Amino acid sequence: MTSGSILYFVGKLYLRLRYRNRQQVERELAVKYDNKYSNAGMVLLFDLLMALAVVAVVGLIAVALYIATA
C-alpha cells in the first residue's frame, strides 16, 4: 500500500463522513480538492499535524513557565 493510496482512502473516508450526500461530496471534491481524494487526505493530514504542533508548542511554553516560576 503506497502513501498515495492511503491518502486516497483517508480523503474519501473524510469526505463521505463529512458530507453524507454524494452530490455534496462530488461538489466539494471538484471545488476544493481538484477532483482528487488524495488531495483531501493530504489537507486533512496537514491540518492534524498543525493541530498537534500547536498543542506541542503550548505545552512547551507551559513547561517553560512552570520551571521559570518554580
PDB file of N, CA and C in Angstrom:
ATOM      1  N   MET A   1       0.850  -1.179   0.000  1.00  0.00           N
ATOM      2  CA  MET A   1       0.000   0.000   0.000  1.00  0.00           C
ATOM      3  C   MET A   1       0.895   1.241   0.000  1.00  0.00           C
ATOM      4  N   THR A   2       0.739   2.072  -0.989  1.00  0.00           N
ATOM      5  CA  THR A   2       1.573   3.262  -1.098  1.00  0.00           C
ATOM      6  C   THR A   2       0.947   4.428  -0.353  1.00  0.00           C
ATOM      7  N   SER A   3       1.739   5.479  -0.203  1.00  0.00           N
ATOM      8  CA  SER A   3       1.225   6.654   0.510  1.00  0.00           C
ATOM      9  C   SER A   3       0.082   7.300  -0.254  1.00  0.00           C
ATOM     10  N   GLY A   4       0.127   7.243  -1.579  1.00  0.00           N
ATOM     11  CA  GLY A   4      -0.960   7.815  -2.374  1.00  0.00           C
ATOM     12  C   GLY A   4      -2.276   7.098  -2.160  1.00  0.00           C
ATOM     13  N   SER A   5      -2.223   5.778  -2.037  1.00  0.00           N
ATOM     14  CA  SER A   5      -3.461   5.030  -1.821  1.00  0.00           C
ATOM     15  C   SER A   5      -3.992   5.237  -0.407  1.00  0.00           C
ATOM     16  N   ILE A   6      -3.084   5.425   0.555  1.00  0.00           N
ATOM     17  CA  ILE A   6      -3.525   5.708   1.923  1.00  0.00           C
ATOM     18  C   ILE A   6      -4.203   7.075   1.974  1.00  0.00           C
ATOM     19  N   LEU A   7      -3.584   8.078   1.337  1.00  0.00           N
ATOM     20  CA  LEU A   7      -4.192   9.415   1.306  1.00  0.00           C
ATOM     21  C   LEU A   7      -5.528   9.387   0.565  1.00  0.00           C
ATOM     22  N   TYR A   8      -5.605   8.583  -0.505  1.00  0.00           N
ATOM     23  CA  TYR A   8      -6.856   8.441  -1.251  1.00  0.00           C
ATOM     24  C   TYR A   8      -7.952   7.895  -0.334  1.00  0.00           C
ATOM     25  N   PHE A   9      -7.629   6.819   0.401  1.00  0.00           N
ATOM     26  CA  PHE A   9      -8.605   6.210   1.294  1.00  0.00           C
ATOM     27  C   PHE A   9      -9.036   7.168   2.399  1.00  0.00           C
ATOM     28  N   VAL A  10      -8.064   7.856   3.013  1.00  0.00           N
ATOM     29  CA  VAL A  10      -8.373   8.799   4.098  1.00  0.00           C
ATOM     30  C   VAL A  10      -9.220   9.958   3.572  1.00  0.00           C
ATOM     31  N   GLY A  11      -8.861  10.486   2.397  1.00  0.00           N
ATOM     32  CA  GLY A  11      -9.630  11.590   1.820  1.00  0.00           C
ATOM     33  C   GLY A  11     -11.041  11.194   1.472  1.00  0.00           C
ATOM     34  N   LYS A  12     -11.195  10.014   0.907  1.00  0.00           N
ATOM     35  CA  LYS A  12     -12.533   9.538   0.546  1.00  0.00           C
ATOM     36  C   LYS A  12     -13.381   9.314   1.791  1.00  0.00           C
ATOM     37  N   LEU A  13     -12.783   8.692   2.806  1.00  0.00           N
ATOM     38  CA  LEU A  13     -13.499   8.458   4.057  1.00  0.00           C
ATOM     39  C   LEU A  13     -13.896   9.772   4.720  1.00  0.00           C
ATOM     40  N   TYR A  14     -12.971  10.720   4.751  1.00  0.00           N
ATOM     41  CA  TYR A  14     -13.236  12.030   5.359  1.00  0.00           C
ATOM     42  C   TYR A  14     -14.397  12.744   4.667  1.00  0.00           C
ATOM     43  N   LEU A  15     -14.360  12.796   3.337  1.00  0.00           N
ATOM     44  CA  LEU A  15     -15.421  13.499   2.615  1.00  0.00           C
ATOM     45  C   LEU A  15     -16.760  12.790   2.749  1.00  0.00           C
ATOM     46  N   ARG A  16     -16.748  11.475   2.735  1.00  0.00           N
ATOM     47  CA  ARG A  16     -18.005  10.726   2.867  1.00  0.00           C
ATOM     48  C   ARG A  16     -18.612  10.895   4.257  1.00  0.00           C
ATOM     49  N   LEU A  17     -17.767  10.970   5.270  1.00  0.00           N
ATOM     50  CA  LEU A  17     -18.284  11.166   6.620  1.00  0.00           C
ATOM     51  C   LEU A  17     -18.744  12.602   6.852  1.00  0.00           C
ATOM     52  N   ARG A  18     -18.027  13.547   6.266  1.00  0.00           N
ATOM     53  CA  ARG A  18     -18.375  14.954   6.478  1.00  0.00           C
ATOM     54  C   ARG A  18     -19.604  15.372   5.682  1.00  0.00           C
ATOM     55  N   TYR A  19     -19.642  14.997   4.403  1.00  0.00           N
ATOM     56  CA  TYR A  19     -20.770  15.331   3.532  1.00  0.00           C
ATOM     57  C   TYR A  19     -21.436  14.029   3.121  1.00  0.00           C
ATOM     58  N   ARG A  20     -22.441  13.616   3.815  1.00  0.00           N
ATOM     59  CA  ARG A  20     -23.048  12.309   3.572  1.00  0.00           C
ATOM     60  C   ARG A  20     -23.761  12.228   2.226  1.00  0.00           C
ATOM     61  N   ASN A  21     -24.114  13.348   1.667  1.00  0.00           N
ATOM     62  CA  ASN A  21     -24.772  13.386   0.364  1.00  0.00           C
ATOM     63  C   ASN A  21     -23.725  13.245  -0.744  1.00  0.00           C
ATOM     64  N   ARG A  22     -23.941  12.319  -1.680  1.00  0.00           N
ATOM     65  CA  ARG A  22     -22.956  12.040  -2.728  1.00  0.00           C
ATOM     66  C   ARG A  22     -22.710  13.260  -3.615  1.00  0.00           C
ATOM     67  N   GLN A  23     -23.754  14.034  -3.902  1.00  0.00           N
ATOM     68  CA  GLN A  23     -23.577  15.219  -4.741  1.00  0.00           C
ATOM     69  C   GLN A  23     -22.736  16.277  -4.025  1.00  0.00           C
ATOM     70  N   GLN A  24     -22.924  16.420  -2.734  1.00  0.00           N
ATOM     71  CA  GLN A  24     -22.100  17.361  -1.972  1.00  0.00           C
ATOM     72  C   GLN A  24     -20.647  16.925  -1.955  1.00  0.00           C
ATOM     73  N   VAL A  25     -20.415  15.614  -1.828  1.00  0.00           N
ATOM     74  CA  VAL A  25     -19.045  15.093  -1.850  1.00  0.00           C
ATOM     75  C   VAL A  25     -18.393  15.425  -3.180  1.00  0.00           C
ATOM     76  N   GLU A  26     -19.093  15.176  -4.274  1.00  0.00           N
ATOM     77  CA  GLU A  26     -18.536  15.439  -5.599  1.00  0.00           C
ATOM     78  C   GLU A  26     -18.293  16.930  -5.820  1.00  0.00           C
ATOM     79  N   ARG A  27     -19.202  17.777  -5.321  1.00  0.00           N
ATOM     80  CA  ARG A  27     -19.035  19.222  -5.478  1.00  0.00           C
ATOM     81  C   ARG A  27     -17.826  19.726  -4.694  1.00  0.00           C
ATOM     82  N   GLU A  28     -17.694  19.302  -3.432  1.00  0.00           N
ATOM     83  CA  GLU A  28     -16.544  19.722  -2.624  1.00  0.00           C
ATOM     84  C   GLU A  28     -15.240  19.181  -3.198  1.00  0.00           C
ATOM     85  N   LEU A  29     -15.283  17.962  -3.702  1.00  0.00           N
ATOM     86  CA  LEU A  29     -14.091  17.366  -4.306  1.00  0.00           C
ATOM     87  C   LEU A  29     -13.648  18.174  -5.521  1.00  0.00           C
ATOM     88  N   ALA A  30     -14.600  18.621  -6.325  1.00  0.00           N
ATOM     89  CA  ALA A  30     -14.265  19.402  -7.522  1.00  0.00           C
ATOM     90  C   ALA A  30     -13.807  20.812  -7.159  1.00  0.00           C
ATOM     91  N   VAL A  31     -14.469  21.440  -6.211  1.00  0.00           N
ATOM     92  CA  VAL A  31     -14.187  22.846  -5.896  1.00  0.00           C
ATOM     93  C   VAL A  31     -12.900  22.989  -5.077  1.00  0.00           C
ATOM     94  N   LYS A  32     -12.750  22.197  -4.023  1.00  0.00           N
ATOM     95  CA  LYS A  32     -11.644  22.408  -3.084  1.00  0.00           C
ATOM     96  C   LYS A  32     -10.429  21.527  -3.344  1.00  0.00           C
ATOM     97  N   TYR A  33     -10.638  20.328  -3.890  1.00  0.00           N
ATOM     98  CA  TYR A  33      -9.560  19.345  -3.900  1.00  0.00           C
ATOM     99  C   TYR A  33      -9.157  18.888  -5.297  1.00  0.00           C
ATOM    100  N   ASP A  34      -9.500  19.626  -6.318  1.00  0.00           N
ATOM    101  CA  ASP A  34      -9.064  19.352  -7.687  1.00  0.00           C
ATOM    102  C   ASP A  34      -9.435  17.937  -8.150  1.00  0.00           C
ATOM    103  N   ASN A  35     -10.609  17.477  -7.734  1.00  0.00           N
ATOM    104  CA  ASN A  35     -11.138  16.158  -8.104  1.00  0.00           C
ATOM    105  C   ASN A  35     -10.223  15.001  -7.705  1.00  0.00           C
ATOM    106  N   LYS A  36      -9.483  15.161  -6.613  1.00  0.00           N
ATOM    107  CA  LYS A  36      -8.587  14.092  -6.155  1.00  0.00           C
ATOM    108  C   LYS A  36      -8.813  13.839  -4.672  1.00  0.00           C
ATOM    109  N   TYR A  37      -9.185  12.611  -4.353  1.00  0.00           N
ATOM    110  CA  TYR A  37      -9.373  12.249  -2.960  1.00  0.00           C
ATOM    111  C   TYR A  37      -8.049  12.322  -2.196  1.00  0.00           C
ATOM    112  N   SER A  38      -6.951  12.069  -2.880  1.00  0.00           N
ATOM    113  CA  SER A  38      -5.658  12.126  -2.192  1.00  0.00           C
ATOM    114  C   SER A  38      -5.340  13.550  -1.726  1.00  0.00           C
ATOM    115  N   ASN A  39      -5.797  14.556  -2.472  1.00  0.00           N
ATOM    116  CA  ASN A  39      -5.614  15.944  -2.025  1.00  0.00           C
ATOM    117  C   ASN A  39      -6.413  16.214  -0.756  1.00  0.00           C
ATOM    118  N   ALA A  40      -7.618  15.666  -0.678  1.00  0.00           N
ATOM    119  CA  ALA A  40      -8.435  15.826   0.525  1.00  0.00           C
ATOM    120  C   ALA A  40      -7.757  15.150   1.714  1.00  0.00           C
ATOM    121  N   GLY A  41      -7.188  13.968   1.485  1.00  0.00           N
ATOM    122  CA  GLY A  41      -6.472  13.276   2.556  1.00  0.00           C
ATOM    123  C   GLY A  41      -5.245  14.034   3.007  1.00  0.00           C
ATOM    124  N   MET A  42      -4.545  14.648   2.054  1.00  0.00           N
ATOM    125  CA  MET A  42      -3.344  15.416   2.392  1.00  0.00           C
ATOM    126  C   MET A  42      -3.702  16.654   3.212  1.00  0.00           C
ATOM    127  N   VAL A  43      -4.776  17.325   2.850  1.00  0.00           N
ATOM    128  CA  VAL A  43      -5.218  18.509   3.596  1.00  0.00           C
ATOM    129  C   VAL A  43      -5.616  18.110   5.015  1.00  0.00           C
ATOM    130  N   LEU A  44      -6.325  16.996   5.147  1.00  0.00           N
ATOM    131  CA  LEU A  44      -6.721  16.523   6.475  1.00  0.00           C
ATOM    132  C   LEU A  44      -5.499  16.174   7.315  1.00  0.00           C
ATOM    133  N   LEU A  45      -4.542  15.477   6.721  1.00  0.00           N
ATOM    134  CA  LEU A  45      -3.324  15.121   7.437  1.00  0.00           C
ATOM    135  C   LEU A  45      -2.542  16.362   7.855  1.00  0.00           C
ATOM    136  N   PHE A  46      -2.433  17.334   6.974  1.00  0.00           N
ATOM    137  CA  PHE A  46      -1.732  18.574   7.296  1.00  0.00           C
ATOM    138  C   PHE A  46      -2.427  19.312   8.436  1.00  0.00           C
ATOM    139  N   ASP A  47      -3.760  19.366   8.410  1.00  0.00           N
ATOM    140  CA  ASP A  47      -4.499  20.029   9.492  1.00  0.00           C
ATOM    141  C   ASP A  47      -4.265  19.330  10.835  1.00  0.00           C
ATOM    142  N   LEU A  48      -4.248  18.001  10.817  1.00  0.00           N
ATOM    143  CA  LEU A  48      -3.995  17.268  12.057  1.00  0.00           C
ATOM    144  C   LEU A  48      -2.585  17.522  12.576  1.00  0.00           C
ATOM    145  N   LEU A  49      -1.616  17.541  11.684  1.00  0.00           N
ATOM    146  CA  LEU A  49      -0.239  17.810  12.107  1.00  0.00           C
ATOM    147  C   LEU A  49      -0.082  19.224  12.655  1.00  0.00           C
ATOM    148  N   MET A  50      -0.749  20.185  12.053  1.00  0.00           N
ATOM    149  CA  MET A  50      -0.678  21.557  12.559  1.00  0.00           C
ATOM    150  C   MET A  50      -1.336  21.670  13.935  1.00  0.00           C
ATOM    151  N   ALA A  51      -2.432  20.964  14.148  1.00  0.00           N
ATOM    152  CA  ALA A  51      -3.073  20.975  15.461  1.00  0.00           C
ATOM    153  C   ALA A  51      -2.151  20.369  16.510  1.00  0.00           C
ATOM    154  N   LEU A  52      -1.481  19.275  16.161  1.00  0.00           N
ATOM    155  CA  LEU A  52      -0.536  18.667  17.095  1.00  0.00           C
ATOM    156  C   LEU A  52       0.641  19.594  17.375  1.00  0.00           C
ATOM    157  N   ALA A  53       1.098  20.313  16.369  1.00  0.00           N
ATOM    158  CA  ALA A  53       2.197  21.262  16.563  1.00  0.00           C
ATOM    159  C   ALA A  53       1.795  22.378  17.514  1.00  0.00           C
ATOM    160  N   VAL A  54       0.584  22.875  17.380  1.00  0.00           N
ATOM    161  CA  VAL A  54       0.099  23.937  18.274  1.00  0.00           C
ATOM    162  C   VAL A  54       0.030  23.418  19.705  1.00  0.00           C
ATOM    163  N   VAL A  55      -0.477  22.204  19.890  1.00  0.00           N
ATOM    164  CA  VAL A  55      -0.556  21.620  21.227  1.00  0.00           C
ATOM    165  C   VAL A  55       0.847  21.446  21.807  1.00  0.00           C
ATOM    166  N   ALA A  56       1.799  21.009  21.001  1.00  0.00           N
ATOM    167  CA  ALA A  56       3.176  20.822  21.475  1.00  0.00           C
ATOM    168  C   ALA A  56       3.809  22.147  21.875  1.00  0.00           C
ATOM    169  N   VAL A  57       3.603  23.186  21.084  1.00  0.00           N
ATOM    170  CA  VAL A  57       4.180  24.498  21.395  1.00  0.00           C
ATOM    171  C   VAL A  57       3.569  25.059  22.677  1.00  0.00           C
ATOM    172  N   VAL A  58       2.271  24.948  22.818  1.00  0.00           N
ATOM    173  CA  VAL A  58       1.613  25.437  24.035  1.00  0.00           C
ATOM    174  C   VAL A  58       2.105  24.650  25.245  1.00  0.00           C
ATOM    175  N   GLY A  59       2.283  23.343  25.077  1.00  0.00           N
ATOM    176  CA  GLY A  59       2.811  22.525  26.165  1.00  0.00           C
ATOM    177  C   GLY A  59       4.216  22.932  26.550  1.00  0.00           C
ATOM    178  N   LEU A  60       5.065  23.184  25.568  1.00  0.00           N
ATOM    179  CA  LEU A  60       6.430  23.631  25.860  1.00  0.00           C
ATOM    180  C   LEU A  60       6.453  24.979  26.569  1.00  0.00           C
ATOM    181  N   ILE A  61       5.594  25.874  26.156  1.00  0.00           N
ATOM    182  CA  ILE A  61       5.512  27.189  26.819  1.00  0.00           C
ATOM    183  C   ILE A  61       5.036  27.015  28.260  1.00  0.00           C
ATOM    184  N   ALA A  62       4.063  26.145  28.465  1.00  0.00           N
ATOM    185  CA  ALA A  62       3.559  25.909  29.825  1.00  0.00           C
ATOM    186  C   ALA A  62       4.647  25.311  30.716  1.00  0.00           C
ATOM    187  N   VAL A  63       5.430  24.365  30.190  1.00  0.00           N
ATOM    188  CA  VAL A  63       6.503  23.770  30.972  1.00  0.00           C
ATOM    189  C   VAL A  63       7.584  24.810  31.274  1.00  0.00           C
ATOM    190  N   ALA A  64       7.917  25.616  30.293  1.00  0.00           N
ATOM    191  CA  ALA A  64       8.939  26.661  30.499  1.00  0.00           C
ATOM    192  C   ALA A  64       8.486  27.651  31.562  1.00  0.00           C
ATOM    193  N   LEU A  65       7.228  28.054  31.532  1.00  0.00           N
ATOM    194  CA  LEU A  65       6.718  28.978  32.545  1.00  0.00           C
ATOM    195  C   LEU A  65       6.675  28.331  33.914  1.00  0.00           C
ATOM    196  N   TYR A  66       6.339  27.051  33.970  1.00  0.00           N
ATOM    197  CA  TYR A  66       6.311  26.339  35.241  1.00  0.00           C
ATOM    198  C   TYR A  66       7.708  26.263  35.862  1.00  0.00           C
ATOM    199  N   ILE A  67       8.683  25.948  35.019  1.00  0.00           N
ATOM    200  CA  ILE A  67      10.060  25.842  35.507  1.00  0.00           C
ATOM    201  C   ILE A  67      10.597  27.221  35.916  1.00  0.00           C
ATOM    202  N   ALA A  68      10.239  28.250  35.138  1.00  0.00           N
ATOM    203  CA  ALA A  68      10.740  29.600  35.443  1.00  0.00           C
ATOM    204  C   ALA A  68      10.168  30.142  36.749  1.00  0.00           C
ATOM    205  N   THR A  69       8.943  29.760  37.099  1.00  0.00           N
ATOM    206  CA  THR A  69       8.324  30.300  38.309  1.00  0.00           C
ATOM    207  C   THR A  69       8.518  29.390  39.511  1.00  0.00           C
ATOM    208  N   ALA A  70       9.087  28.217  39.324  1.00  0.00           N
ATOM    209  CA  ALA A  70       9.255  27.262  40.452  1.00  0.00           C
ATOM    210  C   ALA A  70      10.429  27.630  41.318  1.00  0.00           C
TER     211      ALA A  70
END
